[in-house]
Amino acid sequence: MPRGDKSKYTSRQKRKAEHIEESYEARGLDEGEAEARAGATVNKQSGGGERAGGSGRKTSSAVKASAREDSARRAVATRHGHSPNRGRLTSRRSRQTSA
């Protein structure tokens, strides 16, 4: 399956992409760019084609949803200054400058 192929989209994903594409075209984007952005948006929201036989990966919808949720939580934590690496890097820097 070539990159950009939408054959593994469910009917719901196809409808969603179509509506998003129409929205982009109404904003003045050309047809090709609107289609590309609509596909990227659907992939971002759903994690790609949901029908069997996609990219060869055996990732279920539930696992994809869980991964997106975990990623969102980590992003929020980072925005609030709770990076998992921050403590180690800060303490290492302070030791180097004070020694």
C-alpha atoms as a PDB file:
ATOM      1  CA  MET A   1       0.000   0.000   0.000  1.00  0.00           C
ATOM      2  CA  PRO A   2       1.634   3.293  -1.070  1.00  0.00           C
ATOM      3  CA  ARG A   3       1.943   6.249   1.246  1.00  0.00           C
ATOM      4  CA  GLY A   4      -1.161   8.417   1.222  1.00  0.00           C
ATOM      5  CA  ASP A   5      -3.422   5.549   0.208  1.00  0.00           C
ATOM      6  CA  LYS A   6      -6.813   5.940   1.867  1.00  0.00           C
ATOM      7  CA  SER A   7      -8.149   2.483   1.002  1.00  0.00           C
ATOM      8  CA  LYS A   8      -7.872   1.336   4.632  1.00  0.00           C
ATOM      9  CA  TYR A   9     -10.057   4.145   5.958  1.00  0.00           C
ATOM     10  CA  THR A  10     -13.393   3.149   7.441  1.00  0.00           C
ATOM     11  CA  SER A  11     -16.497   4.767   5.974  1.00  0.00           C
ATOM     12  CA  ARG A  12     -16.599   7.060   9.003  1.00  0.00           C
ATOM     13  CA  GLN A  13     -12.997   8.157   8.429  1.00  0.00           C
ATOM     14  CA  LYS A  14     -13.738   8.776   4.740  1.00  0.00           C
ATOM     15  CA  ARG A  15     -16.762  10.939   5.605  1.00  0.00           C
ATOM     16  CA  LYS A  16     -14.759  12.854   8.173  1.00  0.00           C
ATOM     17  CA  ALA A  17     -11.913  13.467   5.695  1.00  0.00           C
ATOM     18  CA  GLU A  18     -14.408  14.624   3.083  1.00  0.00           C
ATOM     19  CA  HIS A  19     -15.973  17.168   5.449  1.00  0.00           C
ATOM     20  CA  ILE A  20     -12.576  18.438   6.558  1.00  0.00           C
ATOM     21  CA  GLU A  21     -11.476  18.730   2.935  1.00  0.00           C
ATOM     22  CA  GLU A  22     -14.580  20.766   2.059  1.00  0.00           C
ATOM     23  CA  SER A  23     -13.849  23.028   5.013  1.00  0.00           C
ATOM     24  CA  TYR A  24     -10.292  23.664   3.817  1.00  0.00           C
ATOM     25  CA  GLU A  25     -11.506  24.346   0.279  1.00  0.00           C
ATOM     26  CA  ALA A  26     -14.044  26.844   1.643  1.00  0.00           C
ATOM     27  CA  ARG A  27     -11.116  28.636   3.318  1.00  0.00           C
ATOM     28  CA  GLY A  28      -9.435  29.010  -0.070  1.00  0.00           C
ATOM     29  CA  LEU A  29      -6.943  26.123  -0.234  1.00  0.00           C
ATOM     30  CA  ASP A  30      -6.530  24.353  -3.548  1.00  0.00           C
ATOM     31  CA  GLU A  31      -8.049  20.887  -3.902  1.00  0.00           C
ATOM     32  CA  GLY A  32      -4.809  18.907  -3.607  1.00  0.00           C
ATOM     33  CA  GLU A  33      -3.595  20.700  -0.493  1.00  0.00           C
ATOM     34  CA  ALA A  34      -7.051  20.434   1.099  1.00  0.00           C
ATOM     35  CA  GLU A  35      -7.107  16.679   0.478  1.00  0.00           C
ATOM     36  CA  ALA A  36      -3.609  16.232   1.918  1.00  0.00           C
ATOM     37  CA  ARG A  37      -4.427  18.233   5.041  1.00  0.00           C
ATOM     38  CA  ALA A  38      -7.726  16.419   5.529  1.00  0.00           C
ATOM     39  CA  GLY A  39      -5.949  13.061   5.370  1.00  0.00           C
ATOM     40  CA  ALA A  40      -3.298  14.239   7.819  1.00  0.00           C
ATOM     41  CA  THR A  41      -5.976  15.503  10.193  1.00  0.00           C
ATOM     42  CA  VAL A  42      -7.894  12.214  10.132  1.00  0.00           C
ATOM     43  CA  ASN A  43      -4.656  10.275  10.666  1.00  0.00           C
ATOM     44  CA  LYS A  44      -3.741  12.510  13.604  1.00  0.00           C
ATOM     45  CA  GLN A  45      -7.152  12.100  15.208  1.00  0.00           C
ATOM     46  CA  SER A  46      -7.606   8.382  14.655  1.00  0.00           C
ATOM     47  CA  GLY A  47      -4.089   7.026  14.250  1.00  0.00           C
ATOM     48  CA  GLY A  48      -4.476   6.053  10.582  1.00  0.00           C
ATOM     49  CA  GLY A  49      -6.614   3.583   8.708  1.00  0.00           C
ATOM     50  CA  GLU A  50      -8.705   1.382  10.971  1.00  0.00           C
ATOM     51  CA  ARG A  51      -9.511  -1.447   8.558  1.00  0.00           C
ATOM     52  CA  ALA A  52      -7.549  -4.682   8.686  1.00  0.00           C
ATOM     53  CA  GLY A  53      -4.515  -5.137   6.502  1.00  0.00           C
ATOM     54  CA  GLY A  54      -3.236  -1.591   6.767  1.00  0.00           C
ATOM     55  CA  SER A  55       0.461  -1.004   7.324  1.00  0.00           C
ATOM     56  CA  GLY A  56       1.118  -4.476   8.634  1.00  0.00           C
ATOM     57  CA  ARG A  57       1.068  -3.368  12.232  1.00  0.00           C
ATOM     58  CA  LYS A  58      -1.225  -5.219  14.571  1.00  0.00           C
ATOM     59  CA  THR A  59      -2.259  -2.255  16.709  1.00  0.00           C
ATOM     60  CA  SER A  60      -5.885  -2.199  17.769  1.00  0.00           C
ATOM     61  CA  SER A  61      -7.998   0.940  17.995  1.00  0.00           C
ATOM     62  CA  ALA A  62      -8.016   0.662  21.782  1.00  0.00           C
ATOM     63  CA  VAL A  63      -4.227   0.535  21.955  1.00  0.00           C
ATOM     64  CA  LYS A  64      -3.949   3.528  19.624  1.00  0.00           C
ATOM     65  CA  ALA A  65      -6.434   5.489  21.749  1.00  0.00           C
ATOM     66  CA  SER A  66      -4.535   4.614  24.910  1.00  0.00           C
ATOM     67  CA  ALA A  67      -1.248   5.719  23.332  1.00  0.00           C
ATOM     68  CA  ARG A  68      -2.761   9.059  22.291  1.00  0.00           C
ATOM     69  CA  GLU A  69      -4.107   9.571  25.810  1.00  0.00           C
ATOM     70  CA  ASP A  70      -0.711   8.790  27.382  1.00  0.00           C
ATOM     71  CA  SER A  71       1.006  11.129  24.947  1.00  0.00           C
ATOM     72  CA  ALA A  72      -1.415  13.933  25.780  1.00  0.00           C
ATOM     73  CA  ARG A  73      -0.817  13.449  29.511  1.00  0.00           C
ATOM     74  CA  ARG A  74       2.959  13.602  29.032  1.00  0.00           C
ATOM     75  CA  ALA A  75       2.610  16.758  26.936  1.00  0.00           C
ATOM     76  CA  VAL A  76       0.547  18.469  29.630  1.00  0.00           C
ATOM     77  CA  ALA A  77       3.033  17.430  32.311  1.00  0.00           C
ATOM     78  CA  THR A  78       5.893  18.843  30.249  1.00  0.00           C
ATOM     79  CA  ARG A  79       4.016  22.124  29.737  1.00  0.00           C
ATOM     80  CA  HIS A  80       3.612  22.371  33.485  1.00  0.00           C
ATOM     81  CA  GLY A  81       7.333  21.832  34.040  1.00  0.00           C
ATOM     82  CA  HIS A  82       7.186  18.175  35.083  1.00  0.00           C
ATOM     83  CA  SER A  83       9.559  16.737  32.525  1.00  0.00           C
ATOM     84  CA  PRO A  84      10.840  13.291  33.520  1.00  0.00           C
ATOM     85  CA  ASN A  85      14.413  14.355  32.652  1.00  0.00           C
ATOM     86  CA  ARG A  86      14.402  17.752  34.290  1.00  0.00           C
ATOM     87  CA  GLY A  87      15.432  16.605  37.776  1.00  0.00           C
ATOM     88  CA  ARG A  88      18.449  14.621  36.639  1.00  0.00           C
ATOM     89  CA  LEU A  89      19.719  17.256  34.229  1.00  0.00           C
ATOM     90  CA  THR A  90      19.324  20.089  36.713  1.00  0.00           C
ATOM     91  CA  SER A  91      21.142  18.255  39.495  1.00  0.00           C
ATOM     92  CA  ARG A  92      23.939  17.198  37.142  1.00  0.00           C
ATOM     93  CA  ARG A  93      24.428  20.777  35.946  1.00  0.00           C
ATOM     94  CA  SER A  94      24.464  22.173  39.448  1.00  0.00           C
ATOM     95  CA  ARG A  95      27.126  19.641  40.485  1.00  0.00           C
ATOM     96  CA  GLN A  96      29.300  20.562  37.529  1.00  0.00           C
ATOM     97  CA  THR A  97      29.115  24.308  38.110  1.00  0.00           C
ATOM     98  CA  SER A  98      29.608  24.109  41.869  1.00  0.00           C
ATOM     99  CA  ALA A  99      32.633  21.747  41.727  1.00  0.00           C
END
